[in-house]
Protein backbone atom coordinates (compact mmCIF):
# COMPACT_ATOMS: atom_id res chain seq x y z
CA MET A 1 0.00 0.00 0.00
CA THR A 2 1.07 3.52 -0.68
CA ASP A 3 1.07 6.40 1.76
CA GLU A 4 -1.13 8.51 -0.48
CA PRO A 5 -4.51 9.51 1.02
CA THR A 6 -7.71 8.15 -0.41
CA PRO A 7 -10.15 10.50 -2.16
CA GLY A 8 -12.49 10.29 0.86
CA GLU A 9 -9.68 11.28 3.21
CA MET A 10 -8.74 14.17 0.91
CA VAL A 11 -12.34 15.42 1.00
CA ARG A 12 -12.40 15.15 4.82
CA ARG A 13 -9.12 17.08 5.12
CA LEU A 14 -10.39 19.73 2.72
CA GLU A 15 -13.64 20.08 4.70
CA ASP A 16 -11.62 20.41 7.93
CA ARG A 17 -9.52 23.17 6.39
CA LEU A 18 -12.61 24.96 5.10
CA ALA A 19 -14.17 24.77 8.58
CA ASP A 20 -10.96 26.22 10.06
CA VAL A 21 -11.00 29.05 7.53
CA ARG A 22 -14.68 29.77 8.28
CA ASP A 23 -13.94 29.87 12.02
CA ASP A 24 -11.01 32.21 11.42
CA ILE A 25 -13.18 34.50 9.29
CA GLN A 26 -15.90 34.54 11.97
CA GLN A 27 -13.34 35.37 14.66
CA LEU A 28 -11.95 38.18 12.52
CA GLY A 29 -15.48 39.48 11.99
CA ARG A 30 -16.12 39.51 15.73
CA ARG A 31 -12.83 41.28 16.37
CA MET A 32 -13.61 43.85 13.68
CA ASP A 33 -16.99 44.50 15.32
CA GLU A 34 -15.18 45.27 18.58
CA LYS A 35 -12.80 47.73 16.97
CA VAL A 36 -13.63 51.43 17.09
CA ASP A 37 -13.72 53.37 13.85
CA GLN A 38 -10.91 55.96 13.58
CA LYS A 39 -13.42 58.79 13.15
CA VAL A 40 -15.29 57.76 16.30
CA TYR A 41 -11.98 57.49 18.15
CA ASP A 42 -10.95 60.96 16.99
CA LEU A 43 -14.31 62.45 18.03
CA ARG A 44 -14.08 60.83 21.46
CA HIS A 45 -10.51 62.05 21.83
CA GLU A 46 -11.50 65.61 20.92
CA ALA A 47 -14.43 65.52 23.36
CA LEU A 48 -12.18 64.24 26.12
CA ALA A 49 -9.56 66.90 25.38
CA GLY A 50 -12.28 69.56 25.54
CA ARG A 51 -13.46 68.26 28.92
CA VAL A 52 -9.90 68.27 30.26
CA THR A 53 -9.39 71.85 29.06
CA THR A 54 -12.65 72.91 30.73
CA LEU A 55 -11.67 71.22 33.98
CA GLU A 56 -8.23 72.86 33.92
CA THR A 57 -9.84 76.26 33.39
CA LEU A 58 -12.25 75.68 36.28
CA ARG A 59 -9.37 74.59 38.50
CA GLU A 60 -7.45 77.75 37.70
CA LYS A 61 -10.52 79.87 38.49
CA ASP A 62 -10.97 78.05 41.79
CA ALA A 63 -7.31 78.68 42.66
CA GLU A 64 -7.78 82.38 41.89
CA LYS A 65 -10.89 82.46 44.12
CA LEU A 66 -8.94 80.80 46.91
CA VAL A 67 -6.17 83.41 46.67
CA ALA A 68 -8.77 86.21 46.67
CA THR A 69 -10.47 84.70 49.73
CA ARG A 70 -7.15 84.53 51.58
CA ARG A 71 -6.40 88.14 50.73
CA TRP A 72 -9.86 89.19 51.92
CA LEU A 73 -9.44 87.21 55.15
CA ILE A 74 -6.10 88.85 55.86
CA GLY A 75 -7.29 92.33 54.92
CA ALA A 76 -10.72 92.29 56.51
CA VAL A 77 -10.27 90.12 59.58
CA ILE A 78 -6.71 89.51 60.69
CA ILE A 79 -5.20 92.99 60.23
CA PRO A 80 -8.07 94.83 62.04
CA LEU A 81 -7.98 92.21 64.80
CA VAL A 82 -4.24 92.71 65.27
CA ALA A 83 -4.73 96.49 65.14
CA ILE A 84 -7.26 96.26 67.99
CA LEU A 85 -5.48 93.67 70.12
CA LEU A 86 -1.89 94.94 69.80
CA PRO A 87 -2.46 98.27 71.57
CA MET A 88 -4.42 96.47 74.30
CA ILE A 89 -1.61 93.96 74.79
CA LEU A 90 1.00 96.76 74.87
CA LEU A 91 -1.11 98.71 77.34
CA LEU A 92 -1.50 95.69 79.61
CA ALA A 93 2.20 94.92 79.34
CA GLN A 94 3.08 98.49 80.39
CA GLY A 95 0.58 98.38 83.25
CA ASP A 96 2.12 95.21 84.69
CA GLY A 97 5.63 96.64 84.53
CA ALA A 98 4.88 99.81 86.50
């Protein structure tokens, strides 16, 4: 006997290969369905970049408000409080020393 395959075995091997190719094509189709179109990706990227820019701007504004609040607190509360308490403390210190 020769080692050559019979026609039935050749048909079976060919059908196996065709089934493998079909499976590969189906897997590729599923993977392609999961991929994002470049245009959609670009639009999402632009939207995300816009959101980041907006958030950075808001953060800068909040930092400016914080600095303004600190300046107001120093100017409106701490300096007048020191101006009132310092003479009283000096007066009390002089009174104890005499």
